[in-house]
Amino acid sequence: MTILFKMAYRNLFRQKRRSLLTIAGMVLGYVLISFSVSLTEGTYHQIIESFTATHTGHIQIHYKDYVDVPSLYKTLKRPNQIYQVLDQDDEIQSYAPRVYSGALVHYQTHSSGVRLQGIDIDQEE
């Protein structure tokens, strides 16, 4: 085992310029990879925060099976009781009810499907 270390030590310092270039290349590669991963993770985090703040929120409460098969008829029963529970939790900063629906918009000779979103203006920030 010791002969391997002796040979490795001699080989490293026999060509000092080559060893320094290799070390510099490895360090530069590590720094660039770290920067790239950090930039990607930061951008990904920012996109999630932006979308969560403007669209969906951190938590959603749905009628059962609404996510699989959305329908206007799948509404929450007794929403006031849910609001009372949400009001009592100190960690909840705000909440707002929303209604989503599809619609057909027609203009002159063209029509297109759209998504309607009903909000409570008093509760939305």
Protein backbone atom coordinates (compact mmCIF):
# COMPACT_ATOMS: atom_id res chain seq x y z
CA MET A 1 0.00 0.00 0.00
CA THR A 2 2.77 2.44 0.82
CA ILE A 3 4.40 1.94 -2.57
CA LEU A 4 1.20 3.15 -4.25
CA PHE A 5 1.24 6.34 -2.20
CA LYS A 6 4.91 6.92 -3.00
CA MET A 7 4.26 6.48 -6.71
CA ALA A 8 1.22 8.76 -6.61
CA TYR A 9 3.16 11.45 -4.69
CA ARG A 10 6.05 11.32 -7.14
CA ASN A 11 3.71 11.44 -10.13
CA LEU A 12 1.89 14.51 -8.78
CA PHE A 13 5.01 16.57 -8.29
CA ARG A 14 6.94 15.36 -11.33
CA GLN A 15 4.75 17.53 -13.60
CA LYS A 16 3.74 20.41 -11.33
CA ARG A 17 2.13 22.47 -14.10
CA ARG A 18 -0.05 19.53 -15.18
CA SER A 19 -1.10 18.86 -11.59
CA LEU A 20 -1.95 22.51 -10.97
CA LEU A 21 -3.95 22.73 -14.21
CA THR A 22 -5.86 19.58 -13.30
CA ILE A 23 -6.62 20.89 -9.80
CA ALA A 24 -7.65 24.29 -11.19
CA GLY A 25 -9.90 22.62 -13.76
CA MET A 26 -11.57 20.48 -11.10
CA VAL A 27 -12.11 23.47 -8.80
CA LEU A 28 -13.49 25.59 -11.65
CA GLY A 29 -15.80 22.75 -12.72
CA TYR A 30 -17.06 22.36 -9.14
CA VAL A 31 -17.71 26.10 -8.84
CA LEU A 32 -19.56 26.22 -12.17
CA ILE A 33 -21.68 23.17 -11.30
CA SER A 34 -22.49 24.66 -7.88
CA PHE A 35 -23.47 27.96 -9.49
CA SER A 36 -25.61 26.21 -12.09
CA VAL A 37 -27.44 24.07 -9.53
CA SER A 38 -27.99 27.08 -7.25
CA LEU A 39 -29.35 29.17 -10.12
CA THR A 40 -31.68 26.38 -11.22
CA GLU A 41 -32.97 25.72 -7.71
CA GLY A 42 -33.48 29.42 -7.03
CA THR A 43 -35.37 29.93 -10.26
CA TYR A 44 -37.50 26.84 -9.61
CA HIS A 45 -38.29 28.06 -6.09
CA GLN A 46 -39.19 31.54 -7.39
CA ILE A 47 -41.54 30.11 -10.02
CA ILE A 48 -43.34 27.99 -7.43
CA GLU A 49 -43.66 30.91 -5.00
CA SER A 50 -44.92 33.24 -7.72
CA PHE A 51 -47.51 30.76 -9.01
CA THR A 52 -48.62 29.85 -5.48
CA ALA A 53 -49.02 33.49 -4.48
CA THR A 54 -50.98 34.52 -7.56
CA HIS A 55 -53.01 31.43 -8.48
CA THR A 56 -53.47 28.41 -6.29
CA GLY A 57 -52.37 29.27 -2.76
CA HIS A 58 -50.49 26.90 -0.50
CA ILE A 59 -53.52 24.82 0.45
CA GLN A 60 -56.74 24.09 -1.38
CA ILE A 61 -59.92 22.60 0.04
CA HIS A 62 -62.07 20.82 -2.54
CA TYR A 63 -65.19 18.71 -2.61
CA LYS A 64 -64.25 15.03 -2.83
CA ASP A 65 -63.34 13.89 -6.35
CA TYR A 66 -63.42 17.50 -7.61
CA VAL A 67 -59.79 17.39 -8.73
CA ASP A 68 -60.36 14.23 -10.78
CA VAL A 69 -63.69 15.34 -12.31
CA PRO A 70 -64.27 19.09 -11.86
CA SER A 71 -67.89 20.24 -11.87
CA LEU A 72 -69.81 23.30 -10.74
CA TYR A 73 -72.14 20.99 -8.84
CA LYS A 74 -69.32 19.70 -6.62
CA THR A 75 -69.37 22.54 -4.11
CA LEU A 76 -68.49 22.45 -0.43
CA LYS A 77 -71.37 21.91 1.94
CA ARG A 78 -71.57 24.34 4.89
CA PRO A 79 -68.64 26.59 3.91
CA ASN A 80 -69.24 28.84 6.93
CA GLN A 81 -68.12 26.03 9.25
CA ILE A 82 -64.93 25.69 7.22
CA TYR A 83 -64.36 29.45 7.44
CA GLN A 84 -64.72 29.32 11.24
CA VAL A 85 -62.06 26.62 11.47
CA LEU A 86 -59.75 28.59 9.19
CA ASP A 87 -60.29 31.78 11.22
CA GLN A 88 -59.29 30.00 14.45
CA ASP A 89 -55.91 28.87 13.09
CA ASP A 90 -53.24 31.50 13.78
CA GLU A 91 -50.89 30.16 11.09
CA ILE A 92 -53.35 30.89 8.28
CA GLN A 93 -52.70 34.40 6.98
CA SER A 94 -55.64 34.62 4.60
CA TYR A 95 -58.07 32.55 2.57
CA ALA A 96 -60.63 33.19 -0.12
CA PRO A 97 -63.32 31.09 -1.77
CA ARG A 98 -63.15 30.61 -5.54
CA VAL A 99 -65.37 29.11 -8.19
CA TYR A 100 -63.95 27.78 -11.45
CA SER A 101 -65.95 27.05 -14.57
CA GLY A 102 -65.60 26.66 -18.27
CA ALA A 103 -67.48 28.85 -20.72
CA LEU A 104 -67.81 29.55 -24.39
CA VAL A 105 -67.06 33.05 -25.67
CA HIS A 106 -68.34 34.15 -29.07
CA TYR A 107 -67.18 37.21 -31.02
CA GLN A 108 -68.39 37.93 -34.56
CA THR A 109 -67.74 34.64 -36.36
CA HIS A 110 -65.35 32.98 -33.90
CA SER A 111 -65.92 31.21 -30.61
CA SER A 112 -63.47 29.87 -28.08
CA GLY A 113 -63.49 28.04 -24.79
CA VAL A 114 -62.40 30.03 -21.75
CA ARG A 115 -61.97 29.44 -18.05
CA LEU A 116 -64.00 31.62 -15.73
CA GLN A 117 -62.84 32.22 -12.19
CA GLY A 118 -65.23 33.67 -9.64
CA ILE A 119 -63.65 35.35 -6.62
CA ASP A 120 -64.78 37.14 -3.48
CA ILE A 121 -63.35 40.63 -3.94
CA ASP A 122 -63.46 41.41 -0.21
CA GLN A 123 -61.28 38.42 0.69
CA GLU A 124 -58.81 38.48 -2.20
CA GLU A 125 -55.60 40.42 -1.70
